[in-house]
Amino acid sequence: MQKFTLHSHTHALNCFDGHNSADEMISQAEKLGFEAIGISNHFCYHPNVQLCSPMFYNDENKALDAHLRIIDEVRSAAEGHKIKVYVGAEVDFFPSASWRNAFERMLKKLSFDYLIGSNHFIRTADESQIYNIYHLEIMPANLTADDFKELVQQHWNNVVYTVESGYFDFLAHPDYCVIKIPDVPEFEENRWKIIEALDKTKMPFEVNTSGYNRINMQHPCDWMLQELCEREVPTLLSDDAHSTAMLGQHFERAENLLQKFGCKKRLGLDFLQK
């Protein structure tokens, strides 16, 4: 069974959405016999993002300062432990040139060990309206069904753009939006586009086991996962742990599924040996 996780969260700066400190997460990973743990708090920056969570930033300098402090916090916590500790970020990607330019400016000053490509927002094509999937109540009351459909379509498009961007070491929960937005047959076409993008780039993707807690399904869904395994797109397990109790959670269940689908390509820790 996989003995590491690279997708975990802390309550960094007392405003991020984990429930434990970096030290507590690292200590629990040691108790579980993990080889390594990666702390990958959310990187949610966009000038037009609604500040419905204190870990969202619409100011580049504030976002940069927050992540500089988080990196220092994790590296300081790691000093008291023998387990290998990495610092990553789960980055919400946007395709506009203005977002990319700001992201690249920040990256030059941030010493991340790896980056996870992620998508937690629905949006308009021009990125003027951005709504977090966990906070859909902030959407305008007069939004039409067609408007909402377009926002969701741009979310799915964003997953493909994330894969194609070249910024990231692996892709997080490809079909994340179904935890809050009812799954419909039309989503199948979008899932195929993600599969094709991952196959073309051979960008690794995660089997995110936190979905078992939310919707009794891992991300990606069974048929997507089977197709990606058959195409030998590299994968790894992610618990998406927001607490110590979630570290390694459901890994055995996911390992059994990967075995069933004949998975041959697994992402190890080699890419981090820089």
Foldseek 3Di string as FASTA:
>chain_A
DAQEAAFEEACQPVFFQFDHFLLQLVVLSVVVVHQEYEYATEQAEDLQDDPPGVNHYNDLVVSLVSQVRVVVRNVVSCVVDDHHYFYEYEYEDDPDPVVVVSVVVSVVVHPHLFYEYEHQWFAAPVRNDIDGLVPVVPDDPPQDPVNVVRSVVVRLVSLLCSLVVPRGQEYEQNPVSCLRDPDDPVCVVSLVSNLVSCLVSLREYEFEPCVCVRPNATGPGLVSLLSSQVSQREYEYHQSHSYSVSVVPCVVVVVVSCVVSPRDHYDDCVSSPD
